[in-house]
Amino acid sequence: MTPETRDQLAYAYSRAWELAKGEPCTVTHDRGYFTIKYPYPAHPRRVTAAELIKGLAGLLGPHHRHELWKDRDEAFFRA
């Protein structure tokens, strides 16, 4: 996965979280993992790209999932 793809994925998750929950969250990436920092008092969550994409699909809802998987597959084959 390219650095640009990781940046876009992190931004997409944080934006989807904000739209779905009404609160911002921060997503960073380092050494193949993403760290999600939620707005409420909790430990940051460390996840893989696949887990982040699955969470993003859940935030977007079932009617947008096919678009998300299509984008993920295209990004995978470009990497």
PDB file of N, CA and C in Angstrom:
ATOM      1  N   MET A   1       0.853  -1.167   0.000  1.00  0.00           N
ATOM      2  CA  MET A   1       0.000   0.000   0.000  1.00  0.00           C
ATOM      3  C   MET A   1       0.901   1.233   0.000  1.00  0.00           C
ATOM      4  N   THR A   2       0.590   2.151  -0.864  1.00  0.00           N
ATOM      5  CA  THR A   2       1.405   3.360  -0.967  1.00  0.00           C
ATOM      6  C   THR A   2       1.090   4.315   0.192  1.00  0.00           C
ATOM      7  N   PRO A   3       2.016   5.225   0.500  1.00  0.00           N
ATOM      8  CA  PRO A   3       1.748   6.205   1.555  1.00  0.00           C
ATOM      9  C   PRO A   3       0.499   7.050   1.271  1.00  0.00           C
ATOM     10  N   GLU A   4       0.264   7.371   0.004  1.00  0.00           N
ATOM     11  CA  GLU A   4      -0.915   8.154  -0.347  1.00  0.00           C
ATOM     12  C   GLU A   4      -2.196   7.384  -0.061  1.00  0.00           C
ATOM     13  N   THR A   5      -2.188   6.083  -0.358  1.00  0.00           N
ATOM     14  CA  THR A   5      -3.354   5.247  -0.091  1.00  0.00           C
ATOM     15  C   THR A   5      -3.614   5.144   1.404  1.00  0.00           C
ATOM     16  N   ARG A   6      -2.556   5.009   2.193  1.00  0.00           N
ATOM     17  CA  ARG A   6      -2.714   4.956   3.648  1.00  0.00           C
ATOM     18  C   ARG A   6      -3.291   6.263   4.177  1.00  0.00           C
ATOM     19  N   ASP A   7      -2.806   7.391   3.656  1.00  0.00           N
ATOM     20  CA  ASP A   7      -3.333   8.693   4.069  1.00  0.00           C
ATOM     21  C   ASP A   7      -4.815   8.822   3.728  1.00  0.00           C
ATOM     22  N   GLN A   8      -5.186   8.388   2.527  1.00  0.00           N
ATOM     23  CA  GLN A   8      -6.576   8.483   2.100  1.00  0.00           C
ATOM     24  C   GLN A   8      -7.480   7.584   2.937  1.00  0.00           C
ATOM     25  N   LEU A   9      -7.002   6.393   3.262  1.00  0.00           N
ATOM     26  CA  LEU A   9      -7.778   5.467   4.079  1.00  0.00           C
ATOM     27  C   LEU A   9      -7.964   6.021   5.492  1.00  0.00           C
ATOM     28  N   ALA A  10      -6.917   6.566   6.052  1.00  0.00           N
ATOM     29  CA  ALA A  10      -7.007   7.162   7.390  1.00  0.00           C
ATOM     30  C   ALA A  10      -7.983   8.335   7.390  1.00  0.00           C
ATOM     31  N   TYR A  11      -7.908   9.172   6.381  1.00  0.00           N
ATOM     32  CA  TYR A  11      -8.821  10.320   6.283  1.00  0.00           C
ATOM     33  C   TYR A  11     -10.264   9.848   6.109  1.00  0.00           C
ATOM     34  N   ALA A  12     -10.470   8.844   5.254  1.00  0.00           N
ATOM     35  CA  ALA A  12     -11.823   8.346   4.995  1.00  0.00           C
ATOM     36  C   ALA A  12     -12.458   7.802   6.267  1.00  0.00           C
ATOM     37  N   TYR A  13     -11.692   7.061   7.067  1.00  0.00           N
ATOM     38  CA  TYR A  13     -12.245   6.514   8.303  1.00  0.00           C
ATOM     39  C   TYR A  13     -12.583   7.634   9.285  1.00  0.00           C
ATOM     40  N   SER A  14     -11.667   8.566   9.478  1.00  0.00           N
ATOM     41  CA  SER A  14     -11.921   9.640  10.444  1.00  0.00           C
ATOM     42  C   SER A  14     -13.112  10.500  10.013  1.00  0.00           C
ATOM     43  N   ARG A  15     -13.252  10.732   8.735  1.00  0.00           N
ATOM     44  CA  ARG A  15     -14.381  11.526   8.230  1.00  0.00           C
ATOM     45  C   ARG A  15     -15.693  10.757   8.363  1.00  0.00           C
ATOM     46  N   ALA A  16     -15.678   9.469   8.042  1.00  0.00           N
ATOM     47  CA  ALA A  16     -16.889   8.650   8.173  1.00  0.00           C
ATOM     48  C   ALA A  16     -17.316   8.554   9.632  1.00  0.00           C
ATOM     49  N   TRP A  17     -16.341   8.438  10.548  1.00  0.00           N
ATOM     50  CA  TRP A  17     -16.653   8.394  11.976  1.00  0.00           C
ATOM     51  C   TRP A  17     -17.334   9.703  12.403  1.00  0.00           C
ATOM     52  N   GLU A  18     -16.762  10.806  11.959  1.00  0.00           N
ATOM     53  CA  GLU A  18     -17.313  12.115  12.326  1.00  0.00           C
ATOM     54  C   GLU A  18     -18.739  12.287  11.791  1.00  0.00           C
ATOM     55  N   LEU A  19     -18.979  11.857  10.567  1.00  0.00           N
ATOM     56  CA  LEU A  19     -20.311  11.981   9.987  1.00  0.00           C
ATOM     57  C   LEU A  19     -21.312  11.059  10.677  1.00  0.00           C
ATOM     58  N   ALA A  20     -20.880   9.855  11.037  1.00  0.00           N
ATOM     59  CA  ALA A  20     -21.779   8.880  11.655  1.00  0.00           C
ATOM     60  C   ALA A  20     -22.026   9.162  13.125  1.00  0.00           C
ATOM     61  N   LYS A  21     -20.995   9.578  13.847  1.00  0.00           N
ATOM     62  CA  LYS A  21     -21.099   9.728  15.297  1.00  0.00           C
ATOM     63  C   LYS A  21     -21.208  11.177  15.769  1.00  0.00           C
ATOM     64  N   GLY A  22     -20.880  12.125  14.906  1.00  0.00           N
ATOM     65  CA  GLY A  22     -20.950  13.522  15.287  1.00  0.00           C
ATOM     66  C   GLY A  22     -19.763  14.003  16.107  1.00  0.00           C
ATOM     67  N   GLU A  23     -18.744  13.185  16.240  1.00  0.00           N
ATOM     68  CA  GLU A  23     -17.538  13.540  16.994  1.00  0.00           C
ATOM     69  C   GLU A  23     -16.312  13.189  16.150  1.00  0.00           C
ATOM     70  N   PRO A  24     -15.261  13.975  16.233  1.00  0.00           N
ATOM     71  CA  PRO A  24     -14.061  13.658  15.453  1.00  0.00           C
ATOM     72  C   PRO A  24     -13.239  12.534  16.094  1.00  0.00           C
ATOM     73  N   CYS A  25     -12.517  11.818  15.275  1.00  0.00           N
ATOM     74  CA  CYS A  25     -11.513  10.870  15.764  1.00  0.00           C
ATOM     75  C   CYS A  25     -10.275  11.053  14.897  1.00  0.00           C
ATOM     76  N   THR A  26      -9.134  10.631  15.401  1.00  0.00           N
ATOM     77  CA  THR A  26      -7.876  10.782  14.691  1.00  0.00           C
ATOM     78  C   THR A  26      -7.352   9.406  14.300  1.00  0.00           C
ATOM     79  N   VAL A  27      -6.917   9.279  13.058  1.00  0.00           N
ATOM     80  CA  VAL A  27      -6.347   8.018  12.585  1.00  0.00           C
ATOM     81  C   VAL A  27      -4.950   8.305  12.049  1.00  0.00           C
ATOM     82  N   THR A  28      -3.971   7.573  12.571  1.00  0.00           N
ATOM     83  CA  THR A  28      -2.592   7.683  12.089  1.00  0.00           C
ATOM     84  C   THR A  28      -2.123   6.301  11.650  1.00  0.00           C
ATOM     85  N   HIS A  29      -1.028   6.255  10.884  1.00  0.00           N
ATOM     86  CA  HIS A  29      -0.496   4.960  10.470  1.00  0.00           C
ATOM     87  C   HIS A  29       1.010   4.929  10.672  1.00  0.00           C
ATOM     88  N   ASP A  30       1.472   3.733  11.059  1.00  0.00           N
ATOM     89  CA  ASP A  30       2.892   3.542  11.295  1.00  0.00           C
ATOM     90  C   ASP A  30       3.206   2.055  11.263  1.00  0.00           C
ATOM     91  N   ARG A  31       4.199   1.684  10.492  1.00  0.00           N
ATOM     92  CA  ARG A  31       4.681   0.303  10.417  1.00  0.00           C
ATOM     93  C   ARG A  31       3.593  -0.722  10.101  1.00  0.00           C
ATOM     94  N   GLY A  32       2.756  -0.410   9.151  1.00  0.00           N
ATOM     95  CA  GLY A  32       1.751  -1.365   8.710  1.00  0.00           C
ATOM     96  C   GLY A  32       0.476  -1.406   9.528  1.00  0.00           C
ATOM     97  N   TYR A  33       0.367  -0.589  10.547  1.00  0.00           N
ATOM     98  CA  TYR A  33      -0.829  -0.554  11.376  1.00  0.00           C
ATOM     99  C   TYR A  33      -1.397   0.852  11.417  1.00  0.00           C
ATOM    100  N   PHE A  34      -2.691   0.919  11.672  1.00  0.00           N
ATOM    101  CA  PHE A  34      -3.376   2.197  11.860  1.00  0.00           C
ATOM    102  C   PHE A  34      -3.733   2.316  13.331  1.00  0.00           C
ATOM    103  N   THR A  35      -3.623   3.501  13.891  1.00  0.00           N
ATOM    104  CA  THR A  35      -4.014   3.754  15.277  1.00  0.00           C
ATOM    105  C   THR A  35      -5.187   4.724  15.258  1.00  0.00           C
ATOM    106  N   ILE A  36      -6.291   4.290  15.877  1.00  0.00           N
ATOM    107  CA  ILE A  36      -7.496   5.110  15.945  1.00  0.00           C
ATOM    108  C   ILE A  36      -7.585   5.692  17.347  1.00  0.00           C
ATOM    109  N   LYS A  37      -7.649   7.007  17.433  1.00  0.00           N
ATOM    110  CA  LYS A  37      -7.808   7.703  18.719  1.00  0.00           C
ATOM    111  C   LYS A  37      -9.210   8.294  18.747  1.00  0.00           C
ATOM    112  N   TYR A  38     -10.068   7.687  19.565  1.00  0.00           N
ATOM    113  CA  TYR A  38     -11.456   8.115  19.673  1.00  0.00           C
ATOM    114  C   TYR A  38     -11.575   9.333  20.583  1.00  0.00           C
ATOM    115  N   PRO A  39     -12.684  10.087  20.478  1.00  0.00           N
ATOM    116  CA  PRO A  39     -12.829  11.304  21.282  1.00  0.00           C
ATOM    117  C   PRO A  39     -13.138  11.046  22.758  1.00  0.00           C
ATOM    118  N   TYR A  40     -13.638   9.872  23.078  1.00  0.00           N
ATOM    119  CA  TYR A  40     -13.963   9.581  24.471  1.00  0.00           C
ATOM    120  C   TYR A  40     -12.776   8.909  25.153  1.00  0.00           C
ATOM    121  N   PRO A  41     -12.738   8.907  26.471  1.00  0.00           N
ATOM    122  CA  PRO A  41     -11.580   8.335  27.174  1.00  0.00           C
ATOM    123  C   PRO A  41     -11.487   6.823  26.957  1.00  0.00           C
ATOM    124  N   ALA A  42     -10.621   6.439  26.095  1.00  0.00           N
ATOM    125  CA  ALA A  42     -10.366   5.023  25.813  1.00  0.00           C
ATOM    126  C   ALA A  42      -8.954   4.909  25.273  1.00  0.00           C
ATOM    127  N   HIS A  43      -8.432   3.716  25.361  1.00  0.00           N
ATOM    128  CA  HIS A  43      -7.106   3.493  24.800  1.00  0.00           C
ATOM    129  C   HIS A  43      -7.188   3.562  23.283  1.00  0.00           C
ATOM    130  N   PRO A  44      -6.186   4.115  22.639  1.00  0.00           N
ATOM    131  CA  PRO A  44      -6.177   4.107  21.172  1.00  0.00           C
ATOM    132  C   PRO A  44      -6.223   2.660  20.677  1.00  0.00           C
ATOM    133  N   ARG A  45      -6.884   2.462  19.581  1.00  0.00           N
ATOM    134  CA  ARG A  45      -7.024   1.113  19.024  1.00  0.00           C
ATOM    135  C   ARG A  45      -6.078   0.951  17.844  1.00  0.00           C
ATOM    136  N   ARG A  46      -5.297  -0.114  17.840  1.00  0.00           N
ATOM    137  CA  ARG A  46      -4.343  -0.403  16.763  1.00  0.00           C
ATOM    138  C   ARG A  46      -4.920  -1.507  15.895  1.00  0.00           C
ATOM    139  N   VAL A  47      -5.079  -1.233  14.600  1.00  0.00           N
ATOM    140  CA  VAL A  47      -5.715  -2.179  13.683  1.00  0.00           C
ATOM    141  C   VAL A  47      -4.922  -2.290  12.389  1.00  0.00           C
ATOM    142  N   THR A  48      -5.186  -3.353  11.648  1.00  0.00           N
ATOM    143  CA  THR A  48      -4.589  -3.515  10.320  1.00  0.00           C
ATOM    144  C   THR A  48      -5.440  -2.760   9.306  1.00  0.00           C
ATOM    145  N   ALA A  49      -4.935  -2.670   8.093  1.00  0.00           N
ATOM    146  CA  ALA A  49      -5.685  -1.986   7.032  1.00  0.00           C
ATOM    147  C   ALA A  49      -7.007  -2.698   6.769  1.00  0.00           C
ATOM    148  N   ALA A  50      -6.998  -4.028   6.775  1.00  0.00           N
ATOM    149  CA  ALA A  50      -8.229  -4.791   6.524  1.00  0.00           C
ATOM    150  C   ALA A  50      -9.274  -4.507   7.606  1.00  0.00           C
ATOM    151  N   GLU A  51      -8.852  -4.430   8.851  1.00  0.00           N
ATOM    152  CA  GLU A  51      -9.783  -4.127   9.948  1.00  0.00           C
ATOM    153  C   GLU A  51     -10.327  -2.705   9.828  1.00  0.00           C
ATOM    154  N   LEU A  52      -9.471  -1.779   9.409  1.00  0.00           N
ATOM    155  CA  LEU A  52      -9.914  -0.393   9.238  1.00  0.00           C
ATOM    156  C   LEU A  52     -10.942  -0.299   8.110  1.00  0.00           C
ATOM    157  N   ILE A  53     -10.713  -1.020   7.018  1.00  0.00           N
ATOM    158  CA  ILE A  53     -11.649  -1.028   5.897  1.00  0.00           C
ATOM    159  C   ILE A  53     -12.974  -1.650   6.318  1.00  0.00           C
ATOM    160  N   LYS A  54     -12.918  -2.716   7.104  1.00  0.00           N
ATOM    161  CA  LYS A  54     -14.148  -3.345   7.591  1.00  0.00           C
ATOM    162  C   LYS A  54     -14.935  -2.374   8.478  1.00  0.00           C
ATOM    163  N   GLY A  55     -14.238  -1.663   9.356  1.00  0.00           N
ATOM    164  CA  GLY A  55     -14.895  -0.666  10.196  1.00  0.00           C
ATOM    165  C   GLY A  55     -15.477   0.470   9.383  1.00  0.00           C
ATOM    166  N   LEU A  56     -14.762   0.873   8.360  1.00  0.00           N
ATOM    167  CA  LEU A  56     -15.247   1.931   7.482  1.00  0.00           C
ATOM    168  C   LEU A  56     -16.514   1.482   6.764  1.00  0.00           C
ATOM    169  N   ALA A  57     -16.550   0.238   6.327  1.00  0.00           N
ATOM    170  CA  ALA A  57     -17.745  -0.294   5.664  1.00  0.00           C
ATOM    171  C   ALA A  57     -18.927  -0.280   6.619  1.00  0.00           C
ATOM    172  N   GLY A  58     -18.685  -0.595   7.876  1.00  0.00           N
ATOM    173  CA  GLY A  58     -19.754  -0.560   8.863  1.00  0.00           C
ATOM    174  C   GLY A  58     -20.271   0.849   9.097  1.00  0.00           C
ATOM    175  N   LEU A  59     -19.390   1.825   9.083  1.00  0.00           N
ATOM    176  CA  LEU A  59     -19.805   3.216   9.278  1.00  0.00           C
ATOM    177  C   LEU A  59     -20.581   3.756   8.082  1.00  0.00           C
ATOM    178  N   LEU A  60     -20.216   3.307   6.895  1.00  0.00           N
ATOM    179  CA  LEU A  60     -20.866   3.803   5.684  1.00  0.00           C
ATOM    180  C   LEU A  60     -22.241   3.196   5.467  1.00  0.00           C
ATOM    181  N   GLY A  61     -22.471   1.993   5.959  1.00  0.00           N
ATOM    182  CA  GLY A  61     -23.756   1.332   5.776  1.00  0.00           C
ATOM    183  C   GLY A  61     -23.727   0.398   4.585  1.00  0.00           C
ATOM    184  N   PRO A  62     -24.697  -0.505   4.515  1.00  0.00           N
ATOM    185  CA  PRO A  62     -24.684  -1.555   3.496  1.00  0.00           C
ATOM    186  C   PRO A  62     -24.827  -1.062   2.064  1.00  0.00           C
ATOM    187  N   HIS A  63     -25.490   0.061   1.830  1.00  0.00           N
ATOM    188  CA  HIS A  63     -25.701   0.503   0.459  1.00  0.00           C
ATOM    189  C   HIS A  63     -24.458   1.130  -0.162  1.00  0.00           C
ATOM    190  N   HIS A  64     -23.402   1.394   0.610  1.00  0.00           N
ATOM    191  CA  HIS A  64     -22.163   1.954   0.059  1.00  0.00           C
ATOM    192  C   HIS A  64     -21.027   0.934   0.027  1.00  0.00           C
ATOM    193  N   ARG A  65     -21.228  -0.243   0.589  1.00  0.00           N
ATOM    194  CA  ARG A  65     -20.129  -1.199   0.729  1.00  0.00           C
ATOM    195  C   ARG A  65     -19.557  -1.664  -0.602  1.00  0.00           C
ATOM    196  N   HIS A  66     -20.394  -1.885  -1.596  1.00  0.00           N
ATOM    197  CA  HIS A  66     -19.874  -2.359  -2.873  1.00  0.00           C
ATOM    198  C   HIS A  66     -18.895  -1.355  -3.473  1.00  0.00           C
ATOM    199  N   GLU A  67     -19.146  -0.064  -3.286  1.00  0.00           N
ATOM    200  CA  GLU A  67     -18.231   0.957  -3.787  1.00  0.00           C
ATOM    201  C   GLU A  67     -16.906   0.918  -3.027  1.00  0.00           C
ATOM    202  N   LEU A  68     -16.987   0.712  -1.721  1.00  0.00           N
ATOM    203  CA  LEU A  68     -15.782   0.657  -0.901  1.00  0.00           C
ATOM    204  C   LEU A  68     -14.907  -0.526  -1.305  1.00  0.00           C
ATOM    205  N   TRP A  69     -15.498  -1.718  -1.474  1.00  0.00           N
ATOM    206  CA  TRP A  69     -14.712  -2.897  -1.829  1.00  0.00           C
ATOM    207  C   TRP A  69     -14.112  -2.745  -3.216  1.00  0.00           C
ATOM    208  N   LYS A  70     -14.837  -2.122  -4.131  1.00  0.00           N
ATOM    209  CA  LYS A  70     -14.296  -1.884  -5.466  1.00  0.00           C
ATOM    210  C   LYS A  70     -13.055  -1.000  -5.376  1.00  0.00           C
ATOM    211  N   ASP A  71     -13.133   0.085  -4.593  1.00  0.00           N
ATOM    212  CA  ASP A  71     -11.989   0.973  -4.423  1.00  0.00           C
ATOM    213  C   ASP A  71     -10.827   0.248  -3.754  1.00  0.00           C
ATOM    214  N   ARG A  72     -11.116  -0.578  -2.756  1.00  0.00           N
ATOM    215  CA  ARG A  72     -10.069  -1.314  -2.053  1.00  0.00           C
ATOM    216  C   ARG A  72      -9.362  -2.278  -3.006  1.00  0.00           C
ATOM    217  N   ASP A  73     -10.135  -3.004  -3.814  1.00  0.00           N
ATOM    218  CA  ASP A  73      -9.543  -3.950  -4.750  1.00  0.00           C
ATOM    219  C   ASP A  73      -8.672  -3.237  -5.780  1.00  0.00           C
ATOM    220  N   GLU A  74      -9.124  -2.090  -6.268  1.00  0.00           N
ATOM    221  CA  GLU A  74      -8.330  -1.332  -7.229  1.00  0.00           C
ATOM    222  C   GLU A  74      -7.037  -0.836  -6.588  1.00  0.00           C
ATOM    223  N   ALA A  75      -7.120  -0.368  -5.334  1.00  0.00           N
ATOM    224  CA  ALA A  75      -5.923   0.103  -4.623  1.00  0.00           C
ATOM    225  C   ALA A  75      -4.963  -1.056  -4.384  1.00  0.00           C
ATOM    226  N   PHE A  76      -5.499  -2.235  -4.073  1.00  0.00           N
ATOM    227  CA  PHE A  76      -4.657  -3.402  -3.822  1.00  0.00           C
ATOM    228  C   PHE A  76      -3.887  -3.791  -5.082  1.00  0.00           C
ATOM    229  N   PHE A  77      -4.554  -3.802  -6.219  1.00  0.00           N
ATOM    230  CA  PHE A  77      -3.887  -4.227  -7.444  1.00  0.00           C
ATOM    231  C   PHE A  77      -2.913  -3.178  -7.973  1.00  0.00           C
ATOM    232  N   ARG A  78      -3.094  -1.903  -7.597  1.00  0.00           N
ATOM    233  CA  ARG A  78      -2.136  -0.869  -7.993  1.00  0.00           C
ATOM    234  C   ARG A  78      -0.883  -0.922  -7.131  1.00  0.00           C
ATOM    235  N   ALA A  79      -0.998  -1.381  -5.890  1.00  0.00           N
ATOM    236  CA  ALA A  79       0.132  -1.382  -4.942  1.00  0.00           C
ATOM    237  C   ALA A  79       1.151  -2.447  -5.301  1.00  0.00           C
TER     238      ALA A  79
END
